[in-house]
Amino acid sequence: MIDRAPTSLIPARAIRLHAWYRSAGSLLRELSRALNQGQTLLRADSGLPVGTHLVLVMSTECLTEPIEVQGTVTSYQARGDSHEMTLRYDFDPGRQRGGLDEALAGLRAQTRRPRRTMRIPLTLSTDSAALARGLEVTVIDASRSGARLRVAGERLPAIVPGDRLVMRHQGHRPGMRRPLRLVLEVRWTGARRRSGRRSTQVVGGRFVKPSESVRKRLRALLRFEEARPQVRLLELESPPATARRSSSRGASAVQRRGLKR
């Protein structure tokens, strides 16, 4: 969400809102969040009528030219001295390809060994109603080999290393609309953190034998060629008890080796 926008009179052409990000990663995460939601909440010192055209100009150090996202005001409400507007985004990855490639190159330069693949920061919400009522699962970053997910809700399902999250991915662009099955095997789980009635947990895993079609879909997602994919969690598969015990022992061994270092 943009916290504040400069006060501006309503011009005949689009209003340009400039946002500076500390790193390529923070820029890409905000871009992913905005595009996935399709809209954002904008606070300003004065209101703009519904239908006003805006351009979000996103800049960071590694970009020679900023990345621009078109937007339209779809709702407006005054709250005391503050004005709140809903801004709907319209993004064309093709026209912003140069800036996206520069941001990804900047992120790649920040990737340190021993990590072999670059993690792309994302904020990709999923439809997780099949797992539990009121559950929110968000992909917070991904690479060609795996992903991290943030699981939040009043009651979280029990997820342990070795479990498999079965997902369905469907794009919006031509050639990507066919639903594809994607399986993420959990390799580790973070501690559960509670705030009020809600708990949050981060889990990480690797994709299981992705087909060529799935790998192609992942490449498009990681290059921001597919702006608003639909990801649905279908089920949580648990391995046999013997496999689960073996996986837990392996995870514990990794943790012990990390503590020794």
Protein backbone atom coordinates (compact mmCIF):
# COMPACT_ATOMS: atom_id res chain seq x y z
CA MET A 1 0.00 0.00 0.00
CA ILE A 2 1.23 3.53 -0.74
CA ASP A 3 1.22 5.39 2.62
CA ARG A 4 1.07 8.93 1.30
CA ALA A 5 0.75 10.59 -2.09
CA PRO A 6 1.58 14.21 -2.91
CA THR A 7 -1.21 16.71 -3.07
CA SER A 8 -1.98 17.56 -6.67
CA LEU A 9 -4.63 19.39 -8.61
CA ILE A 10 -6.53 17.29 -11.13
CA PRO A 11 -4.69 17.66 -14.45
CA ALA A 12 -5.95 16.85 -17.90
CA ARG A 13 -3.38 14.07 -18.21
CA ALA A 14 -2.50 11.22 -15.85
CA ILE A 15 -1.09 11.96 -12.39
CA ARG A 16 2.34 10.40 -11.83
CA LEU A 17 3.07 9.02 -8.36
CA HIS A 18 6.77 8.38 -7.71
CA ALA A 19 7.85 5.61 -5.31
CA TRP A 20 11.48 4.83 -4.44
CA TYR A 21 12.47 1.38 -3.14
CA ARG A 22 15.63 0.49 -1.24
CA SER A 23 16.28 -2.64 -3.26
CA ALA A 24 15.19 -4.53 -6.37
CA GLY A 25 13.69 -7.18 -4.10
CA SER A 26 11.41 -4.76 -2.26
CA LEU A 27 10.28 -3.25 -5.58
CA LEU A 28 9.45 -6.66 -7.05
CA ARG A 29 7.59 -7.74 -3.92
CA GLU A 30 5.42 -4.61 -3.98
CA LEU A 31 4.79 -5.03 -7.70
CA SER A 32 3.74 -8.66 -7.14
CA ARG A 33 1.44 -7.68 -4.27
CA ALA A 34 -0.24 -4.92 -6.23
CA LEU A 35 -0.72 -6.97 -9.40
CA ASN A 36 -1.93 -10.04 -7.54
CA GLN A 37 -4.52 -8.04 -5.62
CA GLY A 38 -5.38 -6.02 -8.70
CA GLN A 39 -5.78 -2.88 -6.59
CA THR A 40 -4.30 -0.96 -3.68
CA LEU A 41 -5.41 1.59 -1.09
CA LEU A 42 -4.04 5.10 -1.65
CA ARG A 43 -3.99 7.83 1.02
CA ALA A 44 -3.55 11.46 -0.05
CA ASP A 45 -4.00 15.01 1.21
CA SER A 46 -6.81 15.61 -1.29
CA GLY A 47 -9.23 13.40 -3.12
CA LEU A 48 -9.47 12.44 -6.75
CA PRO A 49 -12.71 11.60 -8.54
CA VAL A 50 -13.52 8.08 -9.64
CA GLY A 51 -12.12 7.45 -13.10
CA THR A 52 -8.96 9.53 -12.62
CA HIS A 53 -5.97 7.99 -14.39
CA LEU A 54 -2.71 7.62 -12.44
CA VAL A 55 0.72 6.16 -13.13
CA LEU A 56 2.75 4.54 -10.35
CA VAL A 57 6.41 5.19 -11.17
CA MET A 58 8.57 2.60 -9.35
CA SER A 59 12.30 3.26 -9.05
CA THR A 60 15.32 1.68 -7.39
CA GLU A 61 19.07 2.05 -7.74
CA CYS A 62 19.66 -0.67 -10.35
CA LEU A 63 17.10 0.71 -12.85
CA THR A 64 18.11 3.05 -15.66
CA GLU A 65 14.42 3.82 -16.24
CA PRO A 66 11.57 3.29 -13.74
CA ILE A 67 8.92 0.61 -14.03
CA GLU A 68 5.50 2.14 -14.64
CA VAL A 69 2.14 0.71 -13.65
CA GLN A 70 -1.06 2.27 -14.96
CA GLY A 71 -3.90 2.80 -12.52
CA THR A 72 -7.46 4.10 -12.31
CA VAL A 73 -9.29 5.42 -9.23
CA THR A 74 -12.31 3.17 -8.69
CA SER A 75 -13.59 4.46 -5.31
CA TYR A 76 -13.11 7.45 -3.03
CA GLN A 77 -13.93 8.20 0.62
CA ALA A 78 -13.00 11.14 2.86
CA ARG A 79 -11.92 10.30 6.43
CA GLY A 80 -11.41 13.54 8.32
CA ASP A 81 -8.34 15.28 6.94
CA SER A 82 -7.31 12.15 5.04
CA HIS A 83 -8.67 10.94 1.72
CA GLU A 84 -8.72 7.25 0.82
CA MET A 85 -8.99 5.99 -2.73
CA THR A 86 -8.92 2.54 -4.27
CA LEU A 87 -6.56 2.31 -7.22
CA ARG A 88 -7.00 -0.47 -9.79
CA TYR A 89 -3.82 -1.54 -11.57
CA ASP A 90 -3.34 -2.32 -15.25
CA PHE A 91 0.13 -3.68 -16.07
CA ASP A 92 1.64 -4.68 -19.42
CA PRO A 93 4.79 -6.81 -18.78
CA GLY A 94 5.88 -6.53 -22.42
CA ARG A 95 6.17 -2.75 -22.32
CA GLN A 96 8.10 -2.90 -19.02
CA ARG A 97 10.36 -5.79 -20.01
CA GLY A 98 13.57 -3.77 -19.89
CA GLY A 99 12.97 -2.52 -16.36
CA LEU A 100 11.84 -5.93 -15.13
CA ASP A 101 14.99 -7.57 -16.52
CA GLU A 102 17.16 -4.93 -14.83
CA ALA A 103 15.40 -5.48 -11.49
CA LEU A 104 15.85 -9.25 -11.81
CA ALA A 105 19.53 -8.77 -12.70
CA GLY A 106 19.95 -6.56 -9.61
CA LEU A 107 18.33 -9.23 -7.47
CA ARG A 108 20.58 -11.90 -9.03
CA ALA A 109 23.66 -9.87 -8.09
CA GLN A 110 22.50 -9.92 -4.46
CA THR A 111 22.10 -13.72 -4.40
CA ARG A 112 24.91 -15.21 -2.31
CA ARG A 113 26.37 -18.68 -2.19
CA PRO A 114 25.63 -21.41 -1.29
CA ARG A 115 22.21 -20.62 -2.79
CA ARG A 116 22.24 -21.92 -6.34
CA THR A 117 19.00 -20.43 -7.58
CA MET A 118 17.65 -16.91 -7.18
CA ARG A 119 14.56 -16.43 -5.03
CA ILE A 120 12.04 -13.99 -6.48
CA PRO A 121 10.13 -12.01 -3.81
CA LEU A 122 6.40 -12.40 -4.34
CA THR A 123 3.11 -11.69 -2.62
CA LEU A 124 0.92 -14.25 -4.35
CA SER A 125 -2.32 -15.11 -2.56
CA THR A 126 -3.83 -18.55 -3.04
CA ASP A 127 -7.31 -19.99 -2.76
CA SER A 128 -6.86 -22.27 0.26
CA ALA A 129 -10.49 -22.89 1.22
CA ALA A 130 -10.07 -26.62 0.51
CA LEU A 131 -7.59 -26.97 3.38
CA ALA A 132 -9.38 -25.06 6.13
CA ARG A 133 -12.02 -22.38 6.54
CA GLY A 134 -10.56 -18.90 6.94
CA LEU A 135 -7.04 -20.06 6.09
CA GLU A 136 -4.78 -17.63 4.19
CA VAL A 137 -1.80 -19.05 2.31
CA THR A 138 0.53 -16.66 0.48
CA VAL A 139 3.54 -17.49 -1.67
CA ILE A 140 6.19 -15.07 -0.34
CA ASP A 141 9.02 -16.09 -2.66
CA ALA A 142 9.81 -18.73 -5.27
CA SER A 143 12.59 -20.08 -7.47
CA ARG A 144 12.75 -22.64 -10.24
CA SER A 145 13.18 -25.39 -7.64
CA GLY A 146 10.89 -24.42 -4.76
CA ALA A 147 8.97 -21.83 -2.77
CA ARG A 148 8.21 -20.42 0.67
CA LEU A 149 4.63 -20.00 1.86
CA ARG A 150 3.16 -18.03 4.74
CA VAL A 151 0.20 -19.80 6.36
CA ALA A 152 -2.10 -17.69 8.55
CA GLY A 153 -5.43 -18.20 10.29
CA GLU A 154 -7.15 -18.86 13.59
CA ARG A 155 -6.50 -22.59 13.22
CA LEU A 156 -3.55 -23.84 11.20
CA PRO A 157 -3.31 -27.34 9.73
CA ALA A 158 -0.52 -29.54 11.04
CA ILE A 159 2.23 -29.36 8.40
CA VAL A 160 5.48 -31.30 8.85
CA PRO A 161 8.50 -32.01 6.61
CA GLY A 162 7.58 -34.63 4.04
CA ASP A 163 4.01 -33.41 3.56
CA ARG A 164 3.02 -32.39 0.06
CA LEU A 165 0.92 -29.36 -0.87
CA VAL A 166 -0.98 -30.09 -4.07
CA MET A 167 -1.82 -26.95 -6.03
CA ARG A 168 -3.48 -25.96 -9.28
CA HIS A 169 -2.02 -23.10 -11.29
CA GLN A 170 -3.95 -21.23 -13.97
CA GLY A 171 -2.79 -18.15 -15.86
CA HIS A 172 -4.71 -15.40 -17.62
CA ARG A 173 -2.61 -14.98 -20.75
CA PRO A 174 -3.26 -17.00 -23.92
CA GLY A 175 -1.36 -20.27 -23.74
CA MET A 176 -1.36 -20.28 -19.92
CA ARG A 177 -5.03 -20.70 -19.14
CA ARG A 178 -4.98 -24.49 -18.93
CA PRO A 179 -4.93 -25.56 -15.24
CA LEU A 180 -1.72 -27.37 -14.28
CA ARG A 181 -1.02 -29.51 -11.22
CA LEU A 182 1.90 -28.36 -9.08
CA VAL A 183 3.21 -30.26 -6.04
CA LEU A 184 5.41 -28.73 -3.33
CA GLU A 185 7.09 -31.12 -0.89
CA VAL A 186 7.66 -29.49 2.50
CA ARG A 187 11.32 -29.53 3.54
CA TRP A 188 11.12 -27.37 6.66
CA THR A 189 8.60 -25.53 8.81
CA GLY A 190 9.11 -22.38 10.87
CA ALA A 191 7.85 -21.70 14.37
CA ARG A 192 4.22 -20.75 14.79
CA ARG A 193 3.71 -17.15 15.90
CA ARG A 194 0.49 -16.00 17.49
CA SER A 195 -1.01 -12.50 17.49
CA GLY A 196 -4.42 -12.23 19.07
CA ARG A 197 -6.60 -15.02 17.71
CA ARG A 198 -4.51 -15.61 14.60
CA SER A 199 -1.40 -17.71 14.10
CA THR A 200 1.23 -17.50 11.36
CA GLN A 201 3.75 -20.06 10.13
CA VAL A 202 6.22 -20.05 7.24
CA VAL A 203 6.99 -23.30 5.42
CA GLY A 204 9.46 -24.01 2.65
CA GLY A 205 9.70 -26.80 0.13
CA ARG A 206 10.77 -28.06 -3.29
CA PHE A 207 8.66 -28.74 -6.35
CA VAL A 208 8.22 -32.44 -7.06
CA LYS A 209 9.14 -33.56 -10.58
CA PRO A 210 7.61 -30.58 -12.41
CA SER A 211 6.66 -31.29 -16.01
CA GLU A 212 7.99 -29.18 -18.87
CA SER A 213 4.65 -27.35 -18.96
CA VAL A 214 4.94 -26.56 -15.25
CA ARG A 215 8.55 -25.41 -15.63
CA LYS A 216 7.47 -23.10 -18.45
CA ARG A 217 4.68 -21.70 -16.27
CA LEU A 218 7.15 -21.16 -13.41
CA ARG A 219 9.57 -19.30 -15.66
CA ALA A 220 6.77 -16.96 -16.74
CA LEU A 221 5.78 -16.36 -13.12
CA LEU A 222 9.36 -15.63 -12.00
CA ARG A 223 9.92 -13.21 -14.89
CA PHE A 224 6.63 -11.38 -14.19
CA GLU A 225 5.30 -12.37 -17.61
CA GLU A 226 2.12 -13.59 -15.94
CA ALA A 227 0.80 -10.76 -13.80
CA ARG A 228 -2.23 -12.36 -12.11
CA PRO A 229 -2.06 -16.13 -11.95
CA GLN A 230 -4.66 -18.08 -10.01
CA VAL A 231 -3.24 -20.61 -7.54
CA ARG A 232 -5.57 -22.96 -5.69
CA LEU A 233 -4.51 -25.34 -2.93
CA LEU A 234 -6.29 -28.62 -3.51
CA GLU A 235 -5.07 -30.82 -0.66
CA LEU A 236 -2.37 -31.56 1.88
CA GLU A 237 -0.94 -35.04 1.34
CA SER A 238 0.83 -36.75 4.23
CA PRO A 239 3.45 -39.45 3.54
CA PRO A 240 3.36 -42.84 5.26
CA ALA A 241 4.42 -42.79 8.92
CA THR A 242 7.79 -44.41 8.19
CA ALA A 243 8.62 -41.82 5.53
CA ARG A 244 7.53 -39.01 7.85
CA ARG A 245 9.81 -40.24 10.66
CA SER A 246 12.73 -40.45 8.22
CA SER A 247 12.05 -36.94 6.91
CA SER A 248 11.83 -35.54 10.44
CA ARG A 249 15.14 -37.13 11.39
CA GLY A 250 16.74 -35.60 8.29
CA ALA A 251 15.37 -32.16 9.10
CA SER A 252 16.61 -32.45 12.69
CA ALA A 253 20.06 -33.42 11.47
CA VAL A 254 20.20 -30.37 9.23
CA GLN A 255 19.22 -28.14 12.16
CA ARG A 256 21.88 -29.68 14.39
CA ARG A 257 24.55 -29.16 11.75
CA GLY A 258 23.47 -25.52 11.42
CA LEU A 259 23.71 -24.98 15.19
CA LYS A 260 27.20 -26.43 15.27
CA ARG A 261 28.35 -23.85 12.76
